PDB file of N, CA and C in Angstrom:
ATOM      1  N   MET A   1      54.231 114.572 115.762  1.00  0.00           N
ATOM      2  CA  MET A   1      55.170 114.277 114.353  1.00  0.00           C
ATOM      3  C   MET A   1      56.359 114.233 114.939  1.00  0.00           C
ATOM      4  N   PHE A   2      57.609 113.338 114.387  1.00  0.00           N
ATOM      5  CA  PHE A   2      58.286 112.454 114.668  1.00  0.00           C
ATOM      6  C   PHE A   2      59.481 113.456 113.839  1.00  0.00           C
ATOM      7  N   LYS A   3      60.958 113.817 114.390  1.00  0.00           N
ATOM      8  CA  LYS A   3      61.705 114.391 113.505  1.00  0.00           C
ATOM      9  C   LYS A   3      62.570 113.126 112.843  1.00  0.00           C
ATOM     10  N   PRO A   4      63.090 113.662 111.744  1.00  0.00           N
ATOM     11  CA  PRO A   4      63.852 112.517 111.214  1.00  0.00           C
ATOM     12  C   PRO A   4      65.553 112.498 112.078  1.00  0.00           C
ATOM     13  N   GLY A   5      65.901 111.393 112.371  1.00  0.00           N
ATOM     14  CA  GLY A   5      66.955 111.227 112.805  1.00  0.00           C
ATOM     15  C   GLY A   5      66.913 110.841 114.121  1.00  0.00           C
ATOM     16  N   GLY A   6      66.001 110.449 114.545  1.00  0.00           N
ATOM     17  CA  GLY A   6      65.908 110.143 115.903  1.00  0.00           C
ATOM     18  C   GLY A   6      66.130 108.599 116.381  1.00  0.00           C
ATOM     19  N   TRP A   7      65.808 108.347 117.500  1.00  0.00           N
ATOM     20  CA  TRP A   7      66.241 107.128 117.959  1.00  0.00           C
ATOM     21  C   TRP A   7      65.666 106.140 117.509  1.00  0.00           C
ATOM     22  N   TRP A   8      64.743 105.890 116.678  1.00  0.00           N
ATOM     23  CA  TRP A   8      64.209 105.051 116.010  1.00  0.00           C
ATOM     24  C   TRP A   8      65.102 104.452 114.713  1.00  0.00           C
ATOM     25  N   HIS A   9      65.666 105.403 114.062  1.00  0.00           N
ATOM     26  CA  HIS A   9      66.761 104.989 113.086  1.00  0.00           C
ATOM     27  C   HIS A   9      67.912 104.461 113.488  1.00  0.00           C
ATOM     28  N   ARG A  10      67.962 102.997 113.020  1.00  0.00           N
ATOM     29  CA  ARG A  10      68.716 102.249 113.363  1.00  0.00           C
ATOM     30  C   ARG A  10      70.359 102.447 112.775  1.00  0.00           C
ATOM     31  N   HIS A  11      70.202 103.020 111.717  1.00  0.00           N
ATOM     32  CA  HIS A  11      71.901 103.418 110.916  1.00  0.00           C
ATOM     33  C   HIS A  11      71.023 104.450 110.001  1.00  0.00           C
ATOM     34  N   ASP A  12      72.375 105.113 109.557  1.00  0.00           N
ATOM     35  CA  ASP A  12      72.233 106.468 108.859  1.00  0.00           C
ATOM     36  C   ASP A  12      71.701 106.318 107.303  1.00  0.00           C
ATOM     37  N   SER A  13      70.960 107.128 106.624  1.00  0.00           N
ATOM     38  CA  SER A  13      70.239 106.542 105.476  1.00  0.00           C
ATOM     39  C   SER A  13      71.566 107.024 104.528  1.00  0.00           C
ATOM     40  N   ARG A  14      72.465 107.915 104.835  1.00  0.00           N
ATOM     41  CA  ARG A  14      73.817 107.793 103.822  1.00  0.00           C
ATOM     42  C   ARG A  14      74.344 106.263 103.370  1.00  0.00           C
ATOM     43  N   GLU A  15      74.249 105.885 104.219  1.00  0.00           N
ATOM     44  CA  GLU A  15      74.985 104.571 104.584  1.00  0.00           C
ATOM     45  C   GLU A  15      74.362 103.474 103.058  1.00  0.00           C
ATOM     46  N   GLU A  16      72.951 103.729 103.255  1.00  0.00           N
ATOM     47  CA  GLU A  16      72.350 102.966 102.318  1.00  0.00           C
ATOM     48  C   GLU A  16      72.781 103.034 100.963  1.00  0.00           C
ATOM     49  N   GLN A  17      72.970 104.402 100.311  1.00  0.00           N
ATOM     50  CA  GLN A  17      73.150 105.004  99.183  1.00  0.00           C
ATOM     51  C   GLN A  17      74.302 104.590  98.765  1.00  0.00           C
ATOM     52  N   LEU A  18      75.357 104.283  99.233  1.00  0.00           N
ATOM     53  CA  LEU A  18      76.684 104.012  98.911  1.00  0.00           C
ATOM     54  C   LEU A  18      76.939 102.253  98.321  1.00  0.00           C
ATOM     55  N   PRO A  19      77.045 102.290  97.137  1.00  0.00           N
ATOM     56  CA  PRO A  19      77.407 100.850  96.851  1.00  0.00           C
ATOM     57  C   PRO A  19      78.470 100.161  97.746  1.00  0.00           C
ATOM     58  N   ALA A  20      78.378  98.846  97.318  1.00  0.00           N
ATOM     59  CA  ALA A  20      79.214  97.899  98.079  1.00  0.00           C
ATOM     60  C   ALA A  20      80.713  98.349  97.673  1.00  0.00           C
ATOM     61  N   GLN A  21      80.945  98.736  96.618  1.00  0.00           N
ATOM     62  CA  GLN A  21      82.486  98.623  96.212  1.00  0.00           C
ATOM     63  C   GLN A  21      83.052 100.137  97.007  1.00  0.00           C
ATOM     64  N   GLU A  22      81.872 101.105  97.097  1.00  0.00           N
ATOM     65  CA  GLU A  22      82.622 102.191  97.609  1.00  0.00           C
ATOM     66  C   GLU A  22      82.958 102.110  99.039  1.00  0.00           C
ATOM     67  N   TRP A  23      81.798 101.123  99.766  1.00  0.00           N
ATOM     68  CA  TRP A  23      82.412 101.069 101.131  1.00  0.00           C
ATOM     69  C   TRP A  23      83.762 100.303 101.389  1.00  0.00           C
ATOM     70  N   LYS A  24      83.969  99.478 100.390  1.00  0.00           N
ATOM     71  CA  LYS A  24      85.122  98.468 100.784  1.00  0.00           C
ATOM     72  C   LYS A  24      86.394  99.493 100.489  1.00  0.00           C
ATOM     73  N   GLU A  25      86.198 100.370  99.466  1.00  0.00           N
ATOM     74  CA  GLU A  25      87.501 100.905  98.975  1.00  0.00           C
ATOM     75  C   GLU A  25      87.525 101.942 100.333  1.00  0.00           C
ATOM     76  N   ARG A  26      86.911 102.257 100.950  1.00  0.00           N
ATOM     77  CA  ARG A  26      86.743 103.564 102.175  1.00  0.00           C
ATOM     78  C   ARG A  26      87.386 102.996 103.059  1.00  0.00           C
ATOM     79  N   ASP A  27      87.024 101.713 103.272  1.00  0.00           N
ATOM     80  CA  ASP A  27      87.456 100.749 104.571  1.00  0.00           C
ATOM     81  C   ASP A  27      88.933 100.348 104.711  1.00  0.00           C
ATOM     82  N   MET A  28      89.392 100.320 103.171  1.00  0.00           N
ATOM     83  CA  MET A  28      90.408  99.575 102.959  1.00  0.00           C
ATOM     84  C   MET A  28      91.843 100.472 103.155  1.00  0.00           C
ATOM     85  N   LYS A  29      92.879  99.918 103.773  1.00  0.00           N
ATOM     86  CA  LYS A  29      94.046 100.577 103.827  1.00  0.00           C
ATOM     87  C   LYS A  29      94.905 100.881 102.799  1.00  0.00           C
ATOM     88  N   GLN A  30      95.917 101.527 102.709  1.00  0.00           N
ATOM     89  CA  GLN A  30      96.710 101.606 101.788  1.00  0.00           C
ATOM     90  C   GLN A  30      97.903 100.345 101.842  1.00  0.00           C
ATOM     91  N   LYS A  31      98.122 100.139 100.532  1.00  0.00           N
ATOM     92  CA  LYS A  31      99.234  99.366 100.715  1.00  0.00           C
ATOM     93  C   LYS A  31     100.728  99.632 100.964  1.00  0.00           C
ATOM     94  N   LEU A  32     101.698  98.927 101.637  1.00  0.00           N
ATOM     95  CA  LEU A  32     102.708  99.464 101.521  1.00  0.00           C
ATOM     96  C   LEU A  32     103.793  99.072 100.667  1.00  0.00           C
ATOM     97  N   LYS A  33     104.521  99.641  99.904  1.00  0.00           N
ATOM     98  CA  LYS A  33     105.295  99.341  98.932  1.00  0.00           C
ATOM     99  C   LYS A  33     106.664  99.047  99.301  1.00  0.00           C
ATOM    100  N   THR A  34     107.249  98.052  98.595  1.00  0.00           N
ATOM    101  CA  THR A  34     108.509  97.637  98.894  1.00  0.00           C
ATOM    102  C   THR A  34     109.403  97.940  98.157  1.00  0.00           C
ATOM    103  N   HIS A  35     110.709  98.614  98.848  1.00  0.00           N
ATOM    104  CA  HIS A  35     111.879  99.411  97.965  1.00  0.00           C
ATOM    105  C   HIS A  35     112.554  98.528  97.309  1.00  0.00           C
ATOM    106  N   LYS A  36     112.743  98.139  96.085  1.00  0.00           N
ATOM    107  CA  LYS A  36     112.721  97.074  95.231  1.00  0.00           C
ATOM    108  C   LYS A  36     114.826  97.223  95.328  1.00  0.00           C
ATOM    109  N   ALA A  37     115.032  98.258  94.954  1.00  0.00           N
ATOM    110  CA  ALA A  37     116.572  98.733  95.252  1.00  0.00           C
ATOM    111  C   ALA A  37     116.904  97.934  96.421  1.00  0.00           C
ATOM    112  N   MET A  38     116.444  98.235  97.391  1.00  0.00           N
ATOM    113  CA  MET A  38     116.955  97.690  98.821  1.00  0.00           C
ATOM    114  C   MET A  38     116.691  96.494  98.876  1.00  0.00           C
ATOM    115  N   ALA A  39     115.507  95.942  98.462  1.00  0.00           N
ATOM    116  CA  ALA A  39     115.272  94.266  98.535  1.00  0.00           C
ATOM    117  C   ALA A  39     116.290  93.432  97.914  1.00  0.00           C
ATOM    118  N   LYS A  40     117.019  93.956  96.531  1.00  0.00           N
ATOM    119  CA  LYS A  40     117.872  93.377  96.030  1.00  0.00           C
ATOM    120  C   LYS A  40     119.440  93.417  96.279  1.00  0.00           C
ATOM    121  N   ARG A  41     119.415  94.353  97.281  1.00  0.00           N
ATOM    122  CA  ARG A  41     120.729  94.546  97.714  1.00  0.00           C
ATOM    123  C   ARG A  41     121.178  93.952  99.205  1.00  0.00           C
ATOM    124  N   VAL A  42     119.932  93.111  99.965  1.00  0.00           N
ATOM    125  CA  VAL A  42     120.268  92.655 101.361  1.00  0.00           C
ATOM    126  C   VAL A  42     119.059  91.691 101.045  1.00  0.00           C
ATOM    127  N   TYR A  43     119.728  90.804 101.903  1.00  0.00           N
ATOM    128  CA  TYR A  43     118.557  89.476 102.318  1.00  0.00           C
ATOM    129  C   TYR A  43     118.795  88.678 103.488  1.00  0.00           C
ATOM    130  N   ARG A  44     117.694  88.554 104.214  1.00  0.00           N
ATOM    131  CA  ARG A  44     117.650  88.272 105.485  1.00  0.00           C
ATOM    132  C   ARG A  44     117.752  86.606 105.862  1.00  0.00           C
ATOM    133  N   SER A  45     118.823  86.522 106.823  1.00  0.00           N
ATOM    134  CA  SER A  45     119.284  85.356 106.830  1.00  0.00           C
ATOM    135  C   SER A  45     118.479  84.057 107.648  1.00  0.00           C
ATOM    136  N   ALA A  46     118.630  83.173 107.808  1.00  0.00           N
ATOM    137  CA  ALA A  46     117.741  82.039 108.594  1.00  0.00           C
ATOM    138  C   ALA A  46     117.515  82.799 110.084  1.00  0.00           C
ATOM    139  N   SER A  47     118.413  83.295 110.442  1.00  0.00           N
ATOM    140  CA  SER A  47     118.462  83.625 112.148  1.00  0.00           C
ATOM    141  C   SER A  47     117.757  84.838 112.090  1.00  0.00           C
ATOM    142  N   GLY A  48     117.378  85.638 111.056  1.00  0.00           N
ATOM    143  CA  GLY A  48     116.916  87.064 111.154  1.00  0.00           C
ATOM    144  C   GLY A  48     117.575  88.129 110.810  1.00  0.00           C
ATOM    145  N   LYS A  49     118.850  88.012 111.113  1.00  0.00           N
ATOM    146  CA  LYS A  49     119.892  89.178 110.557  1.00  0.00           C
ATOM    147  C   LYS A  49     119.968  89.668 108.975  1.00  0.00           C
ATOM    148  N   PHE A  50     119.979  90.783 108.723  1.00  0.00           N
ATOM    149  CA  PHE A  50     119.603  91.436 107.239  1.00  0.00           C
ATOM    150  C   PHE A  50     121.525  91.108 106.940  1.00  0.00           C
ATOM    151  N   MET A  51     121.582  90.605 105.876  1.00  0.00           N
ATOM    152  CA  MET A  51     123.266  90.628 105.217  1.00  0.00           C
ATOM    153  C   MET A  51     123.111  91.233 104.158  1.00  0.00           C
ATOM    154  N   ARG A  52     124.614  91.771 103.734  1.00  0.00           N
ATOM    155  CA  ARG A  52     125.031  92.754 102.763  1.00  0.00           C
ATOM    156  C   ARG A  52     126.371  92.135 102.330  1.00  0.00           C
ATOM    157  N   ARG A  53     126.555  92.346 101.049  1.00  0.00           N
ATOM    158  CA  ARG A  53     128.126  92.316 100.453  1.00  0.00           C
ATOM    159  C   ARG A  53     128.829  93.337 100.626  1.00  0.00           C
ATOM    160  N   LYS A  54     130.261  93.095 100.955  1.00  0.00           N
ATOM    161  CA  LYS A  54     131.260  94.038 101.228  1.00  0.00           C
ATOM    162  C   LYS A  54     131.015  94.969  99.967  1.00  0.00           C
ATOM    163  N   VAL A  55     132.044  96.134 100.362  1.00  0.00           N
ATOM    164  CA  VAL A  55     132.206  97.262  99.158  1.00  0.00           C
ATOM    165  C   VAL A  55     133.531  96.857  98.387  1.00  0.00           C
ATOM    166  N   ALA A  56     133.653  97.422  97.109  1.00  0.00           N
ATOM    167  CA  ALA A  56     134.693  97.732  96.182  1.00  0.00           C
ATOM    168  C   ALA A  56     135.358  96.429  96.214  1.00  0.00           C
ATOM    169  N   ILE A  57     134.447  95.294  95.856  1.00  0.00           N
ATOM    170  CA  ILE A  57     135.334  94.071  95.435  1.00  0.00           C
ATOM    171  C   ILE A  57     135.092  93.670  94.002  1.00  0.00           C
ATOM    172  N   SER A  58     134.645  94.699  93.323  1.00  0.00           N
ATOM    173  CA  SER A  58     134.532  94.212  91.607  1.00  0.00           C
ATOM    174  C   SER A  58     135.250  95.183  91.060  1.00  0.00           C
ATOM    175  N   HIS A  59     135.561  96.464  91.706  1.00  0.00           N
ATOM    176  CA  HIS A  59     136.387  97.246  90.893  1.00  0.00           C
ATOM    177  C   HIS A  59     137.889  97.394  91.396  1.00  0.00           C
ATOM    178  N   LEU A  60     138.977  97.631  90.337  1.00  0.00           N
ATOM    179  CA  LEU A  60     140.123  96.784  90.702  1.00  0.00           C
ATOM    180  C   LEU A  60     140.640  95.822  91.490  1.00  0.00           C
ATOM    181  N   ARG A  61     140.188  94.767  90.692  1.00  0.00           N
ATOM    182  CA  ARG A  61     140.114  93.742  91.721  1.00  0.00           C
ATOM    183  C   ARG A  61     141.536  92.704  91.343  1.00  0.00           C
ATOM    184  N   ARG A  62     142.250  92.903  90.681  1.00  0.00           N
ATOM    185  CA  ARG A  62     143.552  92.422  90.399  1.00  0.00           C
ATOM    186  C   ARG A  62     144.705  92.966  90.900  1.00  0.00           C
ATOM    187  N   ASN A  63     144.595  94.593  91.716  1.00  0.00           N
ATOM    188  CA  ASN A  63     145.329  94.928  92.563  1.00  0.00           C
ATOM    189  C   ASN A  63     145.167  94.748  94.234  1.00  0.00           C
ATOM    190  N   LYS A  64     144.222  93.832  94.374  1.00  0.00           N
ATOM    191  CA  LYS A  64     143.840  93.596  95.536  1.00  0.00           C
ATOM    192  C   LYS A  64     144.636  92.268  95.975  1.00  0.00           C
ATOM    193  N   SER A  65     144.657  92.200  97.214  1.00  0.00           N
ATOM    194  CA  SER A  65     145.183  90.586  97.652  1.00  0.00           C
ATOM    195  C   SER A  65     144.441  89.617  97.690  1.00  0.00           C
ATOM    196  N   PRO A  66     144.859  88.264  97.277  1.00  0.00           N
ATOM    197  CA  PRO A  66     143.936  87.132  97.570  1.00  0.00           C
ATOM    198  C   PRO A  66     143.085  87.154  99.018  1.00  0.00           C
ATOM    199  N   GLU A  67     143.725  87.208  99.891  1.00  0.00           N
ATOM    200  CA  GLU A  67     143.127  87.674 100.952  1.00  0.00           C
ATOM    201  C   GLU A  67     141.964  88.636 100.842  1.00  0.00           C
ATOM    202  N   ALA A  68     142.158  89.790 100.460  1.00  0.00           N
ATOM    203  CA  ALA A  68     141.016  91.081 100.474  1.00  0.00           C
ATOM    204  C   ALA A  68     140.103  90.151  99.753  1.00  0.00           C
ATOM    205  N   VAL A  69     140.444  89.743  98.821  1.00  0.00           N
ATOM    206  CA  VAL A  69     139.318  89.486  97.437  1.00  0.00           C
ATOM    207  C   VAL A  69     138.609  88.284  98.430  1.00  0.00           C
ATOM    208  N   ARG A  70     139.002  87.156  99.265  1.00  0.00           N
ATOM    209  CA  ARG A  70     138.373  86.157  99.727  1.00  0.00           C
ATOM    210  C   ARG A  70     137.337  86.687 101.069  1.00  0.00           C
ATOM    211  N   SER A  71     138.089  87.563 101.453  1.00  0.00           N
ATOM    212  CA  SER A  71     137.181  88.179 102.762  1.00  0.00           C
ATOM    213  C   SER A  71     136.059  88.890 102.122  1.00  0.00           C
ATOM    214  N   ALA A  72     136.325  89.860 100.967  1.00  0.00           N
ATOM    215  CA  ALA A  72     135.191  90.789 100.385  1.00  0.00           C
ATOM    216  C   ALA A  72     134.034  89.659  99.737  1.00  0.00           C
ATOM    217  N   ASP A  73     134.354  88.621  99.399  1.00  0.00           N
ATOM    218  CA  ASP A  73     133.500  87.740  98.753  1.00  0.00           C
ATOM    219  C   ASP A  73     132.230  87.183  99.980  1.00  0.00           C
ATOM    220  N   LYS A  74     132.520  87.247 100.967  1.00  0.00           N
ATOM    221  CA  LYS A  74     131.548  86.897 102.019  1.00  0.00           C
ATOM    222  C   LYS A  74     130.474  87.891 102.487  1.00  0.00           C
ATOM    223  N   LYS A  75     129.379  87.463 102.946  1.00  0.00           N
ATOM    224  CA  LYS A  75     128.363  88.322 103.264  1.00  0.00           C
ATOM    225  C   LYS A  75     128.976  88.985 104.913  1.00  0.00           C
ATOM    226  N   ILE A  76     128.346  90.215 105.111  1.00  0.00           N
ATOM    227  CA  ILE A  76     128.049  90.877 106.558  1.00  0.00           C
ATOM    228  C   ILE A  76     127.135  91.163 107.113  1.00  0.00           C
ATOM    229  N   PRO A  77     126.876  91.324 108.279  1.00  0.00           N
ATOM    230  CA  PRO A  77     125.514  91.691 108.776  1.00  0.00           C
ATOM    231  C   PRO A  77     125.220  93.390 108.480  1.00  0.00           C
ATOM    232  N   LEU A  78     124.131  93.521 108.683  1.00  0.00           N
ATOM    233  CA  LEU A  78     123.867  94.879 108.546  1.00  0.00           C
ATOM    234  C   LEU A  78     124.053  95.850 109.846  1.00  0.00           C
ATOM    235  N   SER A  79     124.218  96.922 110.066  1.00  0.00           N
ATOM    236  CA  SER A  79     124.347  97.747 111.310  1.00  0.00           C
ATOM    237  C   SER A  79     123.036  97.689 111.913  1.00  0.00           C
ATOM    238  N   THR A  80     123.093  97.866 113.221  1.00  0.00           N
ATOM    239  CA  THR A  80     121.530  98.085 113.852  1.00  0.00           C
ATOM    240  C   THR A  80     120.779  99.100 113.341  1.00  0.00           C
ATOM    241  N   ALA A  81     121.400 100.312 113.060  1.00  0.00           N
ATOM    242  CA  ALA A  81     120.748 101.613 112.576  1.00  0.00           C
ATOM    243  C   ALA A  81     120.385 101.292 111.292  1.00  0.00           C
ATOM    244  N   ASP A  82     121.239 100.871 110.540  1.00  0.00           N
ATOM    245  CA  ASP A  82     120.463 100.286 108.953  1.00  0.00           C
ATOM    246  C   ASP A  82     119.210  99.798 109.123  1.00  0.00           C
ATOM    247  N   THR A  83     119.224  98.598 110.041  1.00  0.00           N
ATOM    248  CA  THR A  83     118.260  97.621 110.256  1.00  0.00           C
ATOM    249  C   THR A  83     116.844  98.337 110.440  1.00  0.00           C
ATOM    250  N   ARG A  84     117.362  99.490 111.538  1.00  0.00           N
ATOM    251  CA  ARG A  84     115.768  99.878 111.840  1.00  0.00           C
ATOM    252  C   ARG A  84     115.480 100.806 110.816  1.00  0.00           C
ATOM    253  N   ARG A  85     116.119 101.575 109.637  1.00  0.00           N
ATOM    254  CA  ARG A  85     115.835 102.093 108.704  1.00  0.00           C
ATOM    255  C   ARG A  85     115.095 101.106 107.618  1.00  0.00           C
ATOM    256  N   LEU A  86     115.455  99.870 107.496  1.00  0.00           N
ATOM    257  CA  LEU A  86     114.734  98.815 106.689  1.00  0.00           C
ATOM    258  C   LEU A  86     113.292  98.483 107.035  1.00  0.00           C
ATOM    259  N   LYS A  87     112.859  98.831 108.154  1.00  0.00           N
ATOM    260  CA  LYS A  87     111.141  98.495 108.248  1.00  0.00           C
ATOM    261  C   LYS A  87     110.875  99.288 107.418  1.00  0.00           C
ATOM    262  N   ARG A  88     111.111 100.463 107.005  1.00  0.00           N
ATOM    263  CA  ARG A  88     110.301 101.554 106.122  1.00  0.00           C
ATOM    264  C   ARG A  88     110.326 100.882 104.805  1.00  0.00           C
ATOM    265  N   LEU A  89     111.688 100.546 104.423  1.00  0.00           N
ATOM    266  CA  LEU A  89     111.773 100.330 103.084  1.00  0.00           C
ATOM    267  C   LEU A  89     111.387  98.884 102.914  1.00  0.00           C
ATOM    268  N   LEU A  90     111.676  97.892 103.499  1.00  0.00           N
ATOM    269  CA  LEU A  90     111.078  96.465 103.529  1.00  0.00           C
ATOM    270  C   LEU A  90     110.112  96.194 104.443  1.00  0.00           C
ATOM    271  N   PRO A  91     108.740  96.616 104.172  1.00  0.00           N
ATOM    272  CA  PRO A  91     107.870  96.440 105.407  1.00  0.00           C
ATOM    273  C   PRO A  91     107.368  95.184 105.585  1.00  0.00           C
ATOM    274  N   TYR A  92     107.562  94.172 104.359  1.00  0.00           N
ATOM    275  CA  TYR A  92     107.043  92.792 104.511  1.00  0.00           C
ATOM    276  C   TYR A  92     108.248  91.803 104.980  1.00  0.00           C
ATOM    277  N   ALA A  93     109.261  92.022 105.053  1.00  0.00           N
ATOM    278  CA  ALA A  93     110.281  91.690 105.785  1.00  0.00           C
ATOM    279  C   ALA A  93     110.427  91.581 107.128  1.00  0.00           C
ATOM    280  N   PHE A  94     109.682  92.091 107.947  1.00  0.00           N
ATOM    281  CA  PHE A  94     109.719  91.649 109.398  1.00  0.00           C
ATOM    282  C   PHE A  94     108.390  90.847 109.913  1.00  0.00           C
TER     283      PHE A  94
END
């Protein structure tokens, strides 16, 4: 008499009992979510750098010099340390 689970069993009997949908759900990885607030604040340039706007431009604008207002309207690149942190917040931007 042969014992069940010997060498002649090609696959586990439990595999046959699960429907195809459960197998698919079990094998899928979890989706990565984009941090929407950060996605609205930065954008990626054509060269691959992340750009952000300068701070303190909309508050008390009439007290600032025209040169300060013009320079604040430009975008500046994000620092390297912040770019490393963005890999978690914006997983599909890299």
